[in-house]
Amino acid sequence: MENEIRIDEIKEKIFTRRPDLVIDRVPEKIRVMFKELAKEDFCNDYGMTLKFLVDFYFGLIPTGTEHMELRMVQLEQQMIELRQSSDKKEDDDKTIKTNNGREIGRNR
């Protein structure tokens, strides 16, 4: 008898539990994508899926440009080095002239 009362209490708690979060007006395509992500990566755990997306948004999106800025600086440095080596090569390719103006060949 006591076990039946305890089971009934547990059933009541389970079936009367209201969700903590309800999200309405989600576009169908986004809802399907969210459910697929939850199913494939989080075993249908919507809470962990939402946590992942929030962590991704606040963790990556605001600071996501840092790696791009670093790469741009690196590319700019490479361009400067290429220009300098190109200028040096042009200097090396000039013809050698004697004092009387006669060309004696190219320096390679």
PDB file of N, CA and C in Angstrom:
ATOM      1  N   MET A   1       0.818  -1.196   0.000  1.00  0.00           N
ATOM      2  CA  MET A   1       0.000   0.000   0.000  1.00  0.00           C
ATOM      3  C   MET A   1       0.862   1.262   0.000  1.00  0.00           C
ATOM      4  N   GLU A   2       1.870   1.251   0.856  1.00  0.00           N
ATOM      5  CA  GLU A   2       2.751   2.405   0.931  1.00  0.00           C
ATOM      6  C   GLU A   2       3.540   2.577  -0.368  1.00  0.00           C
ATOM      7  N   ASN A   3       3.951   1.454  -0.965  1.00  0.00           N
ATOM      8  CA  ASN A   3       4.669   1.507  -2.242  1.00  0.00           C
ATOM      9  C   ASN A   3       3.795   2.073  -3.345  1.00  0.00           C
ATOM     10  N   GLU A   4       2.522   1.716  -3.334  1.00  0.00           N
ATOM     11  CA  GLU A   4       1.601   2.238  -4.349  1.00  0.00           C
ATOM     12  C   GLU A   4       1.442   3.752  -4.216  1.00  0.00           C
ATOM     13  N   ILE A   5       1.388   4.229  -3.001  1.00  0.00           N
ATOM     14  CA  ILE A   5       1.275   5.673  -2.773  1.00  0.00           C
ATOM     15  C   ILE A   5       2.545   6.372  -3.274  1.00  0.00           C
ATOM     16  N   ARG A   6       3.680   5.783  -2.962  1.00  0.00           N
ATOM     17  CA  ARG A   6       4.964   6.352  -3.400  1.00  0.00           C
ATOM     18  C   ARG A   6       5.046   6.360  -4.938  1.00  0.00           C
ATOM     19  N   ILE A   7       4.640   5.293  -5.580  1.00  0.00           N
ATOM     20  CA  ILE A   7       4.642   5.212  -7.041  1.00  0.00           C
ATOM     21  C   ILE A   7       3.704   6.255  -7.628  1.00  0.00           C
ATOM     22  N   ASP A   8       2.529   6.415  -7.025  1.00  0.00           N
ATOM     23  CA  ASP A   8       1.588   7.425  -7.499  1.00  0.00           C
ATOM     24  C   ASP A   8       2.169   8.834  -7.364  1.00  0.00           C
ATOM     25  N   GLU A   9       2.883   9.092  -6.276  1.00  0.00           N
ATOM     26  CA  GLU A   9       3.510  10.400  -6.093  1.00  0.00           C
ATOM     27  C   GLU A   9       4.567  10.658  -7.170  1.00  0.00           C
ATOM     28  N   ILE A  10       5.348   9.638  -7.454  1.00  0.00           N
ATOM     29  CA  ILE A  10       6.388   9.778  -8.478  1.00  0.00           C
ATOM     30  C   ILE A  10       5.756   9.996  -9.846  1.00  0.00           C
ATOM     31  N   LYS A  11       4.709   9.228 -10.164  1.00  0.00           N
ATOM     32  CA  LYS A  11       4.018   9.403 -11.444  1.00  0.00           C
ATOM     33  C   LYS A  11       3.464  10.816 -11.568  1.00  0.00           C
ATOM     34  N   GLU A  12       2.881  11.302 -10.487  1.00  0.00           N
ATOM     35  CA  GLU A  12       2.299  12.642 -10.513  1.00  0.00           C
ATOM     36  C   GLU A  12       3.386  13.695 -10.771  1.00  0.00           C
ATOM     37  N   LYS A  13       4.533  13.539 -10.129  1.00  0.00           N
ATOM     38  CA  LYS A  13       5.628  14.490 -10.344  1.00  0.00           C
ATOM     39  C   LYS A  13       6.130  14.440 -11.787  1.00  0.00           C
ATOM     40  N   ILE A  14       6.212  13.250 -12.322  1.00  0.00           N
ATOM     41  CA  ILE A  14       6.707  13.097 -13.689  1.00  0.00           C
ATOM     42  C   ILE A  14       5.727  13.686 -14.697  1.00  0.00           C
ATOM     43  N   PHE A  15       4.463  13.349 -14.563  1.00  0.00           N
ATOM     44  CA  PHE A  15       3.478  13.748 -15.566  1.00  0.00           C
ATOM     45  C   PHE A  15       2.991  15.180 -15.411  1.00  0.00           C
ATOM     46  N   THR A  16       3.160  15.768 -14.246  1.00  0.00           N
ATOM     47  CA  THR A  16       2.709  17.151 -14.065  1.00  0.00           C
ATOM     48  C   THR A  16       3.861  18.142 -14.179  1.00  0.00           C
ATOM     49  N   ARG A  17       5.051  17.634 -14.436  1.00  0.00           N
ATOM     50  CA  ARG A  17       6.210  18.512 -14.573  1.00  0.00           C
ATOM     51  C   ARG A  17       6.053  19.372 -15.815  1.00  0.00           C
ATOM     52  N   ARG A  18       6.167  20.648 -15.615  1.00  0.00           N
ATOM     53  CA  ARG A  18       6.080  21.570 -16.743  1.00  0.00           C
ATOM     54  C   ARG A  18       7.482  21.857 -17.246  1.00  0.00           C
ATOM     55  N   PRO A  19       7.633  22.045 -18.531  1.00  0.00           N
ATOM     56  CA  PRO A  19       8.963  22.358 -19.049  1.00  0.00           C
ATOM     57  C   PRO A  19       9.425  23.729 -18.562  1.00  0.00           C
ATOM     58  N   ASP A  20      10.723  23.861 -18.370  1.00  0.00           N
ATOM     59  CA  ASP A  20      11.270  25.126 -17.901  1.00  0.00           C
ATOM     60  C   ASP A  20      11.390  26.148 -19.018  1.00  0.00           C
ATOM     61  N   LEU A  21      11.449  25.668 -20.224  1.00  0.00           N
ATOM     62  CA  LEU A  21      11.657  26.553 -21.354  1.00  0.00           C
ATOM     63  C   LEU A  21      10.782  26.103 -22.516  1.00  0.00           C
ATOM     64  N   VAL A  22      10.029  27.033 -23.053  1.00  0.00           N
ATOM     65  CA  VAL A  22       9.211  26.761 -24.231  1.00  0.00           C
ATOM     66  C   VAL A  22       9.556  27.828 -25.260  1.00  0.00           C
ATOM     67  N   ILE A  23       9.893  27.380 -26.449  1.00  0.00           N
ATOM     68  CA  ILE A  23      10.250  28.318 -27.515  1.00  0.00           C
ATOM     69  C   ILE A  23       9.228  28.159 -28.631  1.00  0.00           C
ATOM     70  N   ASP A  24       8.515  29.236 -28.906  1.00  0.00           N
ATOM     71  CA  ASP A  24       7.511  29.249 -29.969  1.00  0.00           C
ATOM     72  C   ASP A  24       8.029  30.055 -31.153  1.00  0.00           C
ATOM     73  N   ARG A  25       7.324  29.972 -32.250  1.00  0.00           N
ATOM     74  CA  ARG A  25       7.591  30.733 -33.470  1.00  0.00           C
ATOM     75  C   ARG A  25       8.982  30.479 -34.019  1.00  0.00           C
ATOM     76  N   VAL A  26       9.400  29.233 -34.041  1.00  0.00           N
ATOM     77  CA  VAL A  26      10.675  28.854 -34.638  1.00  0.00           C
ATOM     78  C   VAL A  26      10.393  28.422 -36.068  1.00  0.00           C
ATOM     79  N   PRO A  27      11.131  28.975 -37.038  1.00  0.00           N
ATOM     80  CA  PRO A  27      10.916  28.551 -38.424  1.00  0.00           C
ATOM     81  C   PRO A  27      11.132  27.039 -38.563  1.00  0.00           C
ATOM     82  N   GLU A  28      10.332  26.424 -39.404  1.00  0.00           N
ATOM     83  CA  GLU A  28      10.349  24.968 -39.556  1.00  0.00           C
ATOM     84  C   GLU A  28      11.741  24.445 -39.899  1.00  0.00           C
ATOM     85  N   LYS A  29      12.417  25.104 -40.821  1.00  0.00           N
ATOM     86  CA  LYS A  29      13.742  24.657 -41.244  1.00  0.00           C
ATOM     87  C   LYS A  29      14.725  24.673 -40.068  1.00  0.00           C
ATOM     88  N   ILE A  30      14.682  25.729 -39.261  1.00  0.00           N
ATOM     89  CA  ILE A  30      15.572  25.851 -38.101  1.00  0.00           C
ATOM     90  C   ILE A  30      15.225  24.801 -37.054  1.00  0.00           C
ATOM     91  N   ARG A  31      13.944  24.570 -36.844  1.00  0.00           N
ATOM     92  CA  ARG A  31      13.515  23.561 -35.868  1.00  0.00           C
ATOM     93  C   ARG A  31      14.028  22.183 -36.271  1.00  0.00           C
ATOM     94  N   VAL A  32      13.920  21.859 -37.557  1.00  0.00           N
ATOM     95  CA  VAL A  32      14.392  20.560 -38.048  1.00  0.00           C
ATOM     96  C   VAL A  32      15.905  20.456 -37.885  1.00  0.00           C
ATOM     97  N   MET A  33      16.618  21.526 -38.229  1.00  0.00           N
ATOM     98  CA  MET A  33      18.077  21.521 -38.079  1.00  0.00           C
ATOM     99  C   MET A  33      18.482  21.334 -36.618  1.00  0.00           C
ATOM    100  N   PHE A  34      17.784  22.018 -35.710  1.00  0.00           N
ATOM    101  CA  PHE A  34      18.079  21.907 -34.283  1.00  0.00           C
ATOM    102  C   PHE A  34      17.840  20.476 -33.799  1.00  0.00           C
ATOM    103  N   LYS A  35      16.724  19.901 -34.212  1.00  0.00           N
ATOM    104  CA  LYS A  35      16.411  18.531 -33.796  1.00  0.00           C
ATOM    105  C   LYS A  35      17.420  17.539 -34.358  1.00  0.00           C
ATOM    106  N   GLU A  36      17.862  17.733 -35.604  1.00  0.00           N
ATOM    107  CA  GLU A  36      18.867  16.840 -36.191  1.00  0.00           C
ATOM    108  C   GLU A  36      20.199  16.956 -35.459  1.00  0.00           C
ATOM    109  N   LEU A  37      20.592  18.186 -35.128  1.00  0.00           N
ATOM    110  CA  LEU A  37      21.825  18.389 -34.372  1.00  0.00           C
ATOM    111  C   LEU A  37      21.730  17.716 -33.008  1.00  0.00           C
ATOM    112  N   ALA A  38      20.595  17.887 -32.353  1.00  0.00           N
ATOM    113  CA  ALA A  38      20.401  17.268 -31.040  1.00  0.00           C
ATOM    114  C   ALA A  38      20.444  15.749 -31.142  1.00  0.00           C
ATOM    115  N   LYS A  39      19.836  15.212 -32.173  1.00  0.00           N
ATOM    116  CA  LYS A  39      19.795  13.759 -32.339  1.00  0.00           C
ATOM    117  C   LYS A  39      21.177  13.194 -32.654  1.00  0.00           C
ATOM    118  N   GLU A  40      21.891  13.826 -33.591  1.00  0.00           N
ATOM    119  CA  GLU A  40      23.164  13.286 -34.053  1.00  0.00           C
ATOM    120  C   GLU A  40      24.296  13.476 -33.046  1.00  0.00           C
ATOM    121  N   ASP A  41      24.347  14.633 -32.414  1.00  0.00           N
ATOM    122  CA  ASP A  41      25.505  14.950 -31.577  1.00  0.00           C
ATOM    123  C   ASP A  41      25.231  14.897 -30.076  1.00  0.00           C
ATOM    124  N   PHE A  42      23.971  14.960 -29.665  1.00  0.00           N
ATOM    125  CA  PHE A  42      23.667  15.075 -28.236  1.00  0.00           C
ATOM    126  C   PHE A  42      22.601  14.095 -27.755  1.00  0.00           C
ATOM    127  N   CYS A  43      22.390  13.026 -28.484  1.00  0.00           N
ATOM    128  CA  CYS A  43      21.430  11.974 -28.094  1.00  0.00           C
ATOM    129  C   CYS A  43      20.062  12.552 -27.731  1.00  0.00           C
ATOM    130  N   ASN A  44      19.579  13.455 -28.549  1.00  0.00           N
ATOM    131  CA  ASN A  44      18.273  14.104 -28.364  1.00  0.00           C
ATOM    132  C   ASN A  44      18.180  14.941 -27.097  1.00  0.00           C
ATOM    133  N   ASP A  45      19.303  15.359 -26.541  1.00  0.00           N
ATOM    134  CA  ASP A  45      19.299  16.202 -25.347  1.00  0.00           C
ATOM    135  C   ASP A  45      19.258  17.666 -25.799  1.00  0.00           C
ATOM    136  N   TYR A  46      18.065  18.230 -25.803  1.00  0.00           N
ATOM    137  CA  TYR A  46      17.887  19.595 -26.290  1.00  0.00           C
ATOM    138  C   TYR A  46      18.602  20.612 -25.402  1.00  0.00           C
ATOM    139  N   GLY A  47      18.649  20.347 -24.116  1.00  0.00           N
ATOM    140  CA  GLY A  47      19.326  21.260 -23.197  1.00  0.00           C
ATOM    141  C   GLY A  47      20.812  21.390 -23.518  1.00  0.00           C
ATOM    142  N   MET A  48      21.472  20.262 -23.740  1.00  0.00           N
ATOM    143  CA  MET A  48      22.899  20.295 -24.063  1.00  0.00           C
ATOM    144  C   MET A  48      23.134  20.874 -25.463  1.00  0.00           C
ATOM    145  N   THR A  49      22.201  20.632 -26.370  1.00  0.00           N
ATOM    146  CA  THR A  49      22.315  21.208 -27.712  1.00  0.00           C
ATOM    147  C   THR A  49      22.237  22.730 -27.632  1.00  0.00           C
ATOM    148  N   LEU A  50      21.277  23.219 -26.849  1.00  0.00           N
ATOM    149  CA  LEU A  50      21.140  24.663 -26.678  1.00  0.00           C
ATOM    150  C   LEU A  50      22.383  25.242 -26.008  1.00  0.00           C
ATOM    151  N   LYS A  51      22.920  24.546 -25.017  1.00  0.00           N
ATOM    152  CA  LYS A  51      24.130  25.003 -24.333  1.00  0.00           C
ATOM    153  C   LYS A  51      25.291  25.087 -25.328  1.00  0.00           C
ATOM    154  N   PHE A  52      25.438  24.071 -26.168  1.00  0.00           N
ATOM    155  CA  PHE A  52      26.503  24.071 -27.177  1.00  0.00           C
ATOM    156  C   PHE A  52      26.373  25.282 -28.092  1.00  0.00           C
ATOM    157  N   LEU A  53      25.162  25.544 -28.571  1.00  0.00           N
ATOM    158  CA  LEU A  53      24.955  26.659 -29.483  1.00  0.00           C
ATOM    159  C   LEU A  53      25.225  27.996 -28.808  1.00  0.00           C
ATOM    160  N   VAL A  54      24.819  28.139 -27.556  1.00  0.00           N
ATOM    161  CA  VAL A  54      25.072  29.382 -26.821  1.00  0.00           C
ATOM    162  C   VAL A  54      26.568  29.542 -26.573  1.00  0.00           C
ATOM    163  N   ASP A  55      27.235  28.464 -26.168  1.00  0.00           N
ATOM    164  CA  ASP A  55      28.686  28.528 -25.955  1.00  0.00           C
ATOM    165  C   ASP A  55      29.406  28.884 -27.253  1.00  0.00           C
ATOM    166  N   PHE A  56      28.965  28.291 -28.344  1.00  0.00           N
ATOM    167  CA  PHE A  56      29.562  28.574 -29.645  1.00  0.00           C
ATOM    168  C   PHE A  56      29.386  30.041 -30.008  1.00  0.00           C
ATOM    169  N   TYR A  57      28.169  30.549 -29.819  1.00  0.00           N
ATOM    170  CA  TYR A  57      27.880  31.930 -30.190  1.00  0.00           C
ATOM    171  C   TYR A  57      28.684  32.909 -29.352  1.00  0.00           C
ATOM    172  N   PHE A  58      28.646  32.759 -28.038  1.00  0.00           N
ATOM    173  CA  PHE A  58      29.320  33.713 -27.177  1.00  0.00           C
ATOM    174  C   PHE A  58      30.824  33.451 -27.075  1.00  0.00           C
ATOM    175  N   GLY A  59      31.244  32.245 -27.372  1.00  0.00           N
ATOM    176  CA  GLY A  59      32.660  31.931 -27.285  1.00  0.00           C
ATOM    177  C   GLY A  59      33.413  32.180 -28.566  1.00  0.00           C
ATOM    178  N   LEU A  60      32.791  31.927 -29.696  1.00  0.00           N
ATOM    179  CA  LEU A  60      33.512  32.002 -30.962  1.00  0.00           C
ATOM    180  C   LEU A  60      33.175  33.245 -31.766  1.00  0.00           C
ATOM    181  N   ILE A  61      31.935  33.562 -31.864  1.00  0.00           N
ATOM    182  CA  ILE A  61      31.526  34.641 -32.759  1.00  0.00           C
ATOM    183  C   ILE A  61      32.147  35.990 -32.369  1.00  0.00           C
ATOM    184  N   PRO A  62      32.066  36.427 -31.104  1.00  0.00           N
ATOM    185  CA  PRO A  62      32.660  37.727 -30.788  1.00  0.00           C
ATOM    186  C   PRO A  62      34.182  37.757 -30.966  1.00  0.00           C
ATOM    187  N   THR A  63      34.851  36.650 -30.665  1.00  0.00           N
ATOM    188  CA  THR A  63      36.305  36.625 -30.770  1.00  0.00           C
ATOM    189  C   THR A  63      36.754  35.854 -32.002  1.00  0.00           C
ATOM    190  N   GLY A  64      35.842  35.524 -32.870  1.00  0.00           N
ATOM    191  CA  GLY A  64      36.175  34.701 -34.020  1.00  0.00           C
ATOM    192  C   GLY A  64      37.031  35.394 -35.056  1.00  0.00           C
ATOM    193  N   THR A  65      37.139  36.708 -34.986  1.00  0.00           N
ATOM    194  CA  THR A  65      37.927  37.419 -35.985  1.00  0.00           C
ATOM    195  C   THR A  65      39.401  37.513 -35.616  1.00  0.00           C
ATOM    196  N   GLU A  66      39.757  37.134 -34.407  1.00  0.00           N
ATOM    197  CA  GLU A  66      41.151  37.258 -33.988  1.00  0.00           C
ATOM    198  C   GLU A  66      42.080  36.440 -34.873  1.00  0.00           C
ATOM    199  N   HIS A  67      41.686  35.210 -35.185  1.00  0.00           N
ATOM    200  CA  HIS A  67      42.552  34.394 -36.035  1.00  0.00           C
ATOM    201  C   HIS A  67      42.645  34.967 -37.446  1.00  0.00           C
ATOM    202  N   MET A  68      41.576  35.592 -37.914  1.00  0.00           N
ATOM    203  CA  MET A  68      41.618  36.215 -39.235  1.00  0.00           C
ATOM    204  C   MET A  68      42.525  37.447 -39.221  1.00  0.00           C
ATOM    205  N   GLU A  69      42.456  38.225 -38.145  1.00  0.00           N
ATOM    206  CA  GLU A  69      43.320  39.399 -38.039  1.00  0.00           C
ATOM    207  C   GLU A  69      44.787  38.978 -37.978  1.00  0.00           C
ATOM    208  N   LEU A  70      45.080  37.925 -37.231  1.00  0.00           N
ATOM    209  CA  LEU A  70      46.444  37.413 -37.152  1.00  0.00           C
ATOM    210  C   LEU A  70      46.931  36.974 -38.526  1.00  0.00           C
ATOM    211  N   ARG A  71      46.090  36.273 -39.252  1.00  0.00           N
ATOM    212  CA  ARG A  71      46.462  35.799 -40.590  1.00  0.00           C
ATOM    213  C   ARG A  71      46.700  36.981 -41.541  1.00  0.00           C
ATOM    214  N   MET A  72      45.889  38.030 -41.418  1.00  0.00           N
ATOM    215  CA  MET A  72      46.071  39.211 -42.257  1.00  0.00           C
ATOM    216  C   MET A  72      47.416  39.876 -41.965  1.00  0.00           C
ATOM    217  N   VAL A  73      47.797  39.959 -40.703  1.00  0.00           N
ATOM    218  CA  VAL A  73      49.088  40.529 -40.335  1.00  0.00           C
ATOM    219  C   VAL A  73      50.216  39.677 -40.909  1.00  0.00           C
ATOM    220  N   GLN A  74      50.074  38.350 -40.818  1.00  0.00           N
ATOM    221  CA  GLN A  74      51.088  37.460 -41.366  1.00  0.00           C
ATOM    222  C   GLN A  74      51.213  37.636 -42.879  1.00  0.00           C
ATOM    223  N   LEU A  75      50.087  37.728 -43.568  1.00  0.00           N
ATOM    224  CA  LEU A  75      50.115  37.916 -45.019  1.00  0.00           C
ATOM    225  C   LEU A  75      50.729  39.263 -45.395  1.00  0.00           C
ATOM    226  N   GLU A  76      50.416  40.284 -44.612  1.00  0.00           N
ATOM    227  CA  GLU A  76      51.006  41.594 -44.868  1.00  0.00           C
ATOM    228  C   GLU A  76      52.526  41.536 -44.714  1.00  0.00           C
ATOM    229  N   GLN A  77      52.997  40.847 -43.693  1.00  0.00           N
ATOM    230  CA  GLN A  77      54.437  40.695 -43.488  1.00  0.00           C
ATOM    231  C   GLN A  77      55.089  39.934 -44.652  1.00  0.00           C
ATOM    232  N   GLN A  78      54.401  38.901 -45.129  1.00  0.00           N
ATOM    233  CA  GLN A  78      54.922  38.155 -46.277  1.00  0.00           C
ATOM    234  C   GLN A  78      55.007  39.038 -47.517  1.00  0.00           C
ATOM    235  N   MET A  79      53.999  39.892 -47.712  1.00  0.00           N
ATOM    236  CA  MET A  79      54.016  40.798 -48.864  1.00  0.00           C
ATOM    237  C   MET A  79      55.193  41.762 -48.771  1.00  0.00           C
ATOM    238  N   ILE A  80      55.451  42.270 -47.578  1.00  0.00           N
ATOM    239  CA  ILE A  80      56.581  43.186 -47.393  1.00  0.00           C
ATOM    240  C   ILE A  80      57.891  42.471 -47.717  1.00  0.00           C
ATOM    241  N   GLU A  81      58.019  41.247 -47.233  1.00  0.00           N
ATOM    242  CA  GLU A  81      59.238  40.474 -47.516  1.00  0.00           C
ATOM    243  C   GLU A  81      59.389  40.204 -49.004  1.00  0.00           C
ATOM    244  N   LEU A  82      58.292  39.875 -49.680  1.00  0.00           N
ATOM    245  CA  LEU A  82      58.357  39.630 -51.123  1.00  0.00           C
ATOM    246  C   LEU A  82      58.744  40.896 -51.886  1.00  0.00           C
ATOM    247  N   ARG A  83      58.203  42.017 -51.480  1.00  0.00           N
ATOM    248  CA  ARG A  83      58.562  43.282 -52.135  1.00  0.00           C
ATOM    249  C   ARG A  83      60.041  43.586 -51.941  1.00  0.00           C
ATOM    250  N   GLN A  84      60.523  43.367 -50.718  1.00  0.00           N
ATOM    251  CA  GLN A  84      61.933  43.632 -50.443  1.00  0.00           C
ATOM    252  C   GLN A  84      62.827  42.705 -51.258  1.00  0.00           C
ATOM    253  N   SER A  85      62.471  41.428 -51.338  1.00  0.00           N
ATOM    254  CA  SER A  85      63.295  40.501 -52.120  1.00  0.00           C
ATOM    255  C   SER A  85      63.195  40.821 -53.607  1.00  0.00           C
ATOM    256  N   SER A  86      62.054  41.300 -54.055  1.00  0.00           N
ATOM    257  CA  SER A  86      61.884  41.685 -55.451  1.00  0.00           C
ATOM    258  C   SER A  86      62.744  42.907 -55.760  1.00  0.00           C
ATOM    259  N   ASP A  87      62.755  43.877 -54.846  1.00  0.00           N
ATOM    260  CA  ASP A  87      63.597  45.061 -55.050  1.00  0.00           C
ATOM    261  C   ASP A  87      65.066  44.674 -55.083  1.00  0.00           C
ATOM    262  N   LYS A  88      65.462  43.769 -54.224  1.00  0.00           N
ATOM    263  CA  LYS A  88      66.851  43.314 -54.175  1.00  0.00           C
ATOM    264  C   LYS A  88      67.207  42.592 -55.478  1.00  0.00           C
ATOM    265  N   LYS A  89      66.280  41.786 -55.977  1.00  0.00           N
ATOM    266  CA  LYS A  89      66.523  41.051 -57.223  1.00  0.00           C
ATOM    267  C   LYS A  89      66.687  42.027 -58.379  1.00  0.00           C
ATOM    268  N   GLU A  90      65.884  43.077 -58.417  1.00  0.00           N
ATOM    269  CA  GLU A  90      66.003  44.078 -59.469  1.00  0.00           C
ATOM    270  C   GLU A  90      67.369  44.741 -59.411  1.00  0.00           C
ATOM    271  N   ASP A  91      67.848  45.008 -58.206  1.00  0.00           N
ATOM    272  CA  ASP A  91      69.178  45.605 -58.061  1.00  0.00           C
ATOM    273  C   ASP A  91      70.247  44.639 -58.562  1.00  0.00           C
ATOM    274  N   ASP A  92      70.073  43.358 -58.297  1.00  0.00           N
ATOM    275  CA  ASP A  92      71.046  42.362 -58.716  1.00  0.00           C
ATOM    276  C   ASP A  92      71.066  42.169 -60.226  1.00  0.00           C
ATOM    277  N   ASP A  93      69.941  42.424 -60.881  1.00  0.00           N
ATOM    278  CA  ASP A  93      69.832  42.199 -62.320  1.00  0.00           C
ATOM    279  C   ASP A  93      70.361  43.361 -63.157  1.00  0.00           C
ATOM    280  N   LYS A  94      70.804  44.448 -62.556  1.00  0.00           N
ATOM    281  CA  LYS A  94      71.290  45.589 -63.320  1.00  0.00           C
ATOM    282  C   LYS A  94      72.597  45.217 -64.025  1.00  0.00           C
ATOM    283  N   THR A  95      72.783  45.830 -65.156  1.00  0.00           N
ATOM    284  CA  THR A  95      74.029  45.575 -65.898  1.00  0.00           C
ATOM    285  C   THR A  95      75.186  46.290 -65.220  1.00  0.00           C
ATOM    286  N   ILE A  96      76.359  45.731 -65.389  1.00  0.00           N
ATOM    287  CA  ILE A  96      77.557  46.328 -64.818  1.00  0.00           C
ATOM    288  C   ILE A  96      78.231  47.160 -65.909  1.00  0.00           C
ATOM    289  N   LYS A  97      78.516  48.404 -65.590  1.00  0.00           N
ATOM    290  CA  LYS A  97      79.144  49.303 -66.554  1.00  0.00           C
ATOM    291  C   LYS A  97      80.536  49.693 -66.036  1.00  0.00           C
ATOM    292  N   THR A  98      81.421  49.843 -66.977  1.00  0.00           N
ATOM    293  CA  THR A  98      82.756  50.324 -66.629  1.00  0.00           C
ATOM    294  C   THR A  98      82.738  51.839 -66.568  1.00  0.00           C
ATOM    295  N   ASN A  99      83.874  52.436 -66.195  1.00  0.00           N
ATOM    296  CA  ASN A  99      83.944  53.896 -66.083  1.00  0.00           C
ATOM    297  C   ASN A  99      83.708  54.600 -67.411  1.00  0.00           C
ATOM    298  N   ASN A 100      84.068  53.960 -68.487  1.00  0.00           N
ATOM    299  CA  ASN A 100      83.872  54.611 -69.789  1.00  0.00           C
ATOM    300  C   ASN A 100      82.467  54.374 -70.336  1.00  0.00           C
ATOM    301  N   GLY A 101      81.578  53.672 -69.590  1.00  0.00           N
ATOM    302  CA  GLY A 101      80.191  53.465 -69.983  1.00  0.00           C
ATOM    303  C   GLY A 101      79.919  52.191 -70.702  1.00  0.00           C
ATOM    304  N   ARG A 102      80.971  51.393 -70.898  1.00  0.00           N
ATOM    305  CA  ARG A 102      80.814  50.122 -71.608  1.00  0.00           C
ATOM    306  C   ARG A 102      80.166  49.081 -70.686  1.00  0.00           C
ATOM    307  N   GLU A 103      79.124  48.361 -71.185  1.00  0.00           N
ATOM    308  CA  GLU A 103      78.472  47.312 -70.412  1.00  0.00           C
ATOM    309  C   GLU A 103      79.281  46.040 -70.547  1.00  0.00           C
ATOM    310  N   ILE A 104      79.505  45.396 -69.403  1.00  0.00           N
ATOM    311  CA  ILE A 104      80.306  44.172 -69.468  1.00  0.00           C
ATOM    312  C   ILE A 104      79.484  42.947 -69.092  1.00  0.00           C
ATOM    313  N   GLY A 105      78.228  43.086 -68.807  1.00  0.00           N
ATOM    314  CA  GLY A 105      77.373  41.912 -68.545  1.00  0.00           C
ATOM    315  C   GLY A 105      76.403  42.170 -67.386  1.00  0.00           C
ATOM    316  N   ARG A 106      75.678  41.156 -67.117  1.00  0.00           N
ATOM    317  CA  ARG A 106      74.687  41.247 -66.041  1.00  0.00           C
ATOM    318  C   ARG A 106      75.188  40.491 -64.843  1.00  0.00           C
ATOM    319  N   ASN A 107      74.885  41.018 -63.697  1.00  0.00           N
ATOM    320  CA  ASN A 107      75.228  40.353 -62.449  1.00  0.00           C
ATOM    321  C   ASN A 107      74.086  39.433 -62.077  1.00  0.00           C
ATOM    322  N   ARG A 108      74.319  38.143 -61.979  1.00  0.00           N
ATOM    323  CA  ARG A 108      73.231  37.201 -61.691  1.00  0.00           C
ATOM    324  C   ARG A 108      73.471  36.462 -60.422  1.00  0.00           C
TER     325      ARG A 108
END
